[in-house]
């Protein structure tokens, strides 16, 4: 029994790619805030300025951000970075994250930095090899149809909140199976459908 418990704990603590999908106001960011509430090494790429609970930086305070990063990178930290040009600034942040490792990287509006056919080079390294650097990536998007397929291929958990965009529904059926439609239609406020790698059935949860 203890061995099984330890195995489950190890799986839960495994560094992984997590995707959270759903239209605005559905509960996505609230779920993320619950996931990261107790984390001690965290960087949030806060495109929509929705996060608190950390030291906030932005494009205009990049010099200060570099200084803080320089003397805290071996310690615990909770940084929130708010870019002005998300697609242009992600590469620098991604390089820092990959070089450092041992942390969680949250990227809001992930569809703003990539498309189905374009993915920043260093960010793609975090997706493909981040777990080897002890990095967890949490990507949040209202539009799964537009994100790069490497994200969905590498994802170990996917949470889908209310979404009724027709092409997103078609995409989700192809990704998670036909039953996703009935699951989404039955969702209450702030509920989500959870897919987990290695688990046969889709689960319902609430943020």
Protein backbone atom coordinates (compact mmCIF):
# COMPACT_ATOMS: atom_id res chain seq x y z
CA UNK A 1 0.00 0.00 0.00
CA UNK A 2 2.78 2.43 0.95
CA UNK A 3 4.61 1.67 -2.29
CA UNK A 4 1.49 2.50 -4.32
CA UNK A 5 1.05 5.75 -2.35
CA UNK A 6 4.65 6.74 -3.02
CA UNK A 7 4.21 5.93 -6.71
CA UNK A 8 1.10 8.15 -6.91
CA UNK A 9 2.91 10.99 -5.11
CA UNK A 10 5.83 10.70 -7.51
CA UNK A 11 3.47 10.91 -10.48
CA UNK A 12 1.71 13.95 -9.00
CA UNK A 13 5.05 15.69 -8.43
CA UNK A 14 6.39 14.89 -11.90
CA UNK A 15 7.26 17.99 -13.89
CA UNK A 16 4.90 18.17 -16.84
CA UNK A 17 3.12 20.25 -19.46
CA UNK A 18 -0.42 21.23 -18.44
CA UNK A 19 -2.90 22.97 -20.75
CA UNK A 20 -5.94 24.89 -19.53
CA UNK A 21 -8.51 25.82 -22.15
CA UNK A 22 -11.75 27.81 -22.10
CA UNK A 23 -13.41 31.07 -22.93
CA UNK A 24 -12.77 34.17 -20.84
CA UNK A 25 -14.55 34.21 -17.49
CA UNK A 26 -14.93 30.43 -17.40
CA UNK A 27 -12.57 29.89 -14.43
CA UNK A 28 -9.23 29.17 -16.09
CA UNK A 29 -7.10 31.68 -14.23
CA UNK A 30 -8.74 30.82 -10.92
CA UNK A 31 -7.76 27.17 -11.39
CA UNK A 32 -4.18 28.17 -12.22
CA UNK A 33 -3.98 30.35 -9.10
CA UNK A 34 -5.04 27.35 -7.01
CA UNK A 35 -2.41 25.17 -8.70
CA UNK A 36 0.42 27.62 -8.04
CA UNK A 37 -0.65 28.91 -4.62
CA UNK A 38 1.97 26.94 -2.68
CA UNK A 39 4.78 26.93 -5.24
CA UNK A 40 8.06 28.43 -4.13
CA UNK A 41 9.82 28.89 -7.47
CA UNK A 42 7.48 30.46 -10.01
CA UNK A 43 7.49 32.76 -13.03
CA UNK A 44 4.16 33.88 -14.53
CA UNK A 45 4.08 35.38 -18.03
CA UNK A 46 1.06 37.52 -17.24
CA UNK A 47 -0.16 38.88 -20.54
CA UNK A 48 -3.58 39.92 -19.21
CA UNK A 49 -2.33 41.38 -15.87
CA UNK A 50 -4.44 38.98 -13.82
CA UNK A 51 -1.96 37.76 -11.22
CA UNK A 52 -0.83 38.99 -7.80
CA UNK A 53 1.10 37.31 -5.02
CA UNK A 54 4.56 37.96 -6.38
CA UNK A 55 7.00 40.66 -7.43
CA UNK A 56 5.61 42.28 -10.58
CA UNK A 57 7.85 43.32 -13.48
CA UNK A 58 7.25 44.43 -17.04
CA UNK A 59 9.01 45.59 -20.17
CA UNK A 60 9.76 48.97 -18.63
CA UNK A 61 11.35 47.35 -15.55
CA UNK A 62 13.46 44.76 -17.37
CA UNK A 63 16.68 46.11 -15.81
CA UNK A 64 15.25 45.60 -12.33
CA UNK A 65 13.96 42.17 -13.31
CA UNK A 66 17.43 41.08 -14.45
CA UNK A 67 18.90 42.35 -11.19
CA UNK A 68 16.35 40.47 -9.05
CA UNK A 69 16.81 37.33 -11.14
CA UNK A 70 20.57 37.58 -10.76
CA UNK A 71 20.59 37.39 -6.97
CA UNK A 72 17.51 35.22 -6.35
CA UNK A 73 17.76 32.52 -9.01
CA UNK A 74 19.18 29.97 -6.54
CA UNK A 75 16.57 30.82 -3.91
CA UNK A 76 12.78 30.75 -3.74
CA UNK A 77 10.99 33.37 -5.85
CA UNK A 78 7.58 34.29 -7.23
CA UNK A 79 7.94 36.62 -10.22
CA UNK A 80 5.12 37.99 -12.38
CA UNK A 81 6.21 39.41 -15.72
CA UNK A 82 3.78 41.54 -17.76
CA UNK A 83 4.98 41.96 -21.34
CA UNK A 84 3.99 44.74 -23.70
CA UNK A 85 4.94 42.67 -26.78
CA UNK A 86 4.27 39.07 -25.74
CA UNK A 87 5.58 37.32 -28.83
CA UNK A 88 8.79 39.37 -28.94
CA UNK A 89 9.60 39.10 -25.22
CA UNK A 90 8.89 35.40 -24.63
CA UNK A 91 12.21 34.17 -25.99
CA UNK A 92 14.28 36.03 -23.40
CA UNK A 93 12.12 34.78 -20.52
CA UNK A 94 12.10 31.24 -21.91
CA UNK A 95 15.91 31.23 -22.12
CA UNK A 96 16.14 32.23 -18.45
CA UNK A 97 13.64 29.56 -17.42
CA UNK A 98 15.35 26.78 -19.38
CA UNK A 99 18.83 27.75 -18.16
CA UNK A 100 17.70 27.86 -14.53
CA UNK A 101 15.34 24.88 -14.32
CA UNK A 102 13.69 23.60 -11.14
CA UNK A 103 10.62 25.86 -11.37
CA UNK A 104 7.10 26.33 -12.73
CA UNK A 105 6.50 28.57 -15.74
CA UNK A 106 2.94 29.81 -16.31
CA UNK A 107 2.11 31.36 -19.70
CA UNK A 108 -1.27 33.06 -20.01
CA UNK A 109 -2.81 33.55 -23.47
CA UNK A 110 -0.34 31.08 -24.90
CA UNK A 111 -1.96 31.51 -28.31
CA UNK A 112 -0.46 35.05 -28.31
CA UNK A 113 3.09 33.69 -28.54
CA UNK A 114 2.61 30.78 -30.91
CA UNK A 115 0.40 29.53 -33.69
CA UNK A 116 -0.40 26.10 -35.04
CA UNK A 117 2.69 26.42 -37.28
CA UNK A 118 5.05 28.72 -35.38
CA UNK A 119 6.72 28.23 -31.99
CA UNK A 120 9.55 30.33 -30.48
CA UNK A 121 12.71 28.21 -30.47
CA UNK A 122 13.65 28.36 -26.79
CA UNK A 123 10.04 28.00 -25.71
CA UNK A 124 9.85 24.81 -27.77
CA UNK A 125 12.81 23.45 -25.75
CA UNK A 126 10.83 23.95 -22.55
CA UNK A 127 7.91 22.03 -24.05
CA UNK A 128 10.04 19.15 -25.34
CA UNK A 129 12.74 18.88 -22.66
CA UNK A 130 11.55 20.96 -19.72
CA UNK A 131 10.87 17.94 -17.51
CA UNK A 132 14.56 17.01 -17.77
CA UNK A 133 15.33 20.47 -16.32
CA UNK A 134 12.70 19.99 -13.60
CA UNK A 135 10.41 22.58 -15.24
CA UNK A 136 6.62 22.43 -15.23
CA UNK A 137 4.83 24.46 -17.90
CA UNK A 138 1.22 25.59 -17.45
CA UNK A 139 -0.20 27.06 -20.65
CA UNK A 140 -3.55 28.87 -20.66
CA UNK A 141 -5.57 29.71 -23.78
CA UNK A 142 -9.13 30.51 -24.89
CA UNK A 143 -8.43 29.07 -28.36
CA UNK A 144 -7.02 25.52 -28.61
CA UNK A 145 -7.47 25.51 -32.38
CA UNK A 146 -4.69 28.09 -32.74
CA UNK A 147 -1.94 26.62 -30.54
CA UNK A 148 1.04 24.58 -31.70
CA UNK A 149 0.61 20.82 -31.86
CA UNK A 150 3.79 20.24 -29.84
CA UNK A 151 1.92 21.61 -26.83
CA UNK A 152 -0.92 19.13 -27.10
CA UNK A 153 1.45 16.25 -27.93
CA UNK A 154 3.55 16.87 -24.83
CA UNK A 155 0.67 17.71 -22.46
CA UNK A 156 0.15 15.30 -19.57
CA UNK A 157 -3.00 17.04 -18.32
CA UNK A 158 -5.60 19.11 -20.19
CA UNK A 159 -8.40 21.01 -18.47
CA UNK A 160 -11.23 22.24 -20.70
CA UNK A 161 -13.69 24.82 -19.40
CA UNK A 162 -16.76 26.06 -21.24
CA UNK A 163 -16.01 26.71 -24.88
CA UNK A 164 -18.52 26.95 -27.70
CA UNK A 165 -16.41 28.18 -30.63
CA UNK A 166 -17.29 25.70 -33.45
CA UNK A 167 -13.75 25.15 -34.73
CA UNK A 168 -12.48 24.70 -31.16
CA UNK A 169 -15.16 22.06 -30.57
CA UNK A 170 -14.11 20.23 -33.73
CA UNK A 171 -10.48 20.41 -32.67
CA UNK A 172 -11.23 19.12 -29.18
CA UNK A 173 -13.20 16.18 -30.57
CA UNK A 174 -10.16 15.18 -32.59
CA UNK A 175 -7.87 15.66 -29.61
CA UNK A 176 -9.89 14.16 -26.75
CA UNK A 177 -12.57 12.07 -28.43
CA UNK A 178 -16.23 12.52 -29.34
CA UNK A 179 -17.46 12.30 -25.75
CA UNK A 180 -15.96 15.73 -25.03
CA UNK A 181 -19.02 17.36 -26.65
CA UNK A 182 -21.54 15.88 -24.22
CA UNK A 183 -19.21 16.55 -21.29
CA UNK A 184 -18.84 20.22 -22.23
CA UNK A 185 -22.58 20.62 -22.83
CA UNK A 186 -23.27 19.39 -19.29
CA UNK A 187 -20.77 21.64 -17.51
CA UNK A 188 -21.99 24.01 -14.82
CA UNK A 189 -20.43 27.36 -13.99
CA UNK A 190 -16.67 27.13 -13.35
CA UNK A 191 -16.63 23.39 -14.07
CA UNK A 192 -14.14 21.75 -16.39
CA UNK A 193 -13.45 18.48 -18.18
CA UNK A 194 -10.09 16.96 -17.27
CA UNK A 195 -8.07 14.69 -19.54
CA UNK A 196 -5.01 13.00 -18.06
CA UNK A 197 -2.45 10.94 -19.91
CA UNK A 198 -2.87 7.27 -19.07
CA UNK A 199 -6.40 7.68 -17.69
CA UNK A 200 -9.16 6.19 -19.85
CA UNK A 201 -12.10 8.39 -18.84
CA UNK A 202 -12.61 12.13 -18.91
CA UNK A 203 -13.31 13.58 -15.48
CA UNK A 204 -15.43 16.53 -14.35
CA UNK A 205 -14.07 18.97 -11.78
CA UNK A 206 -14.80 22.45 -10.49
CA UNK A 207 -12.48 25.40 -10.00
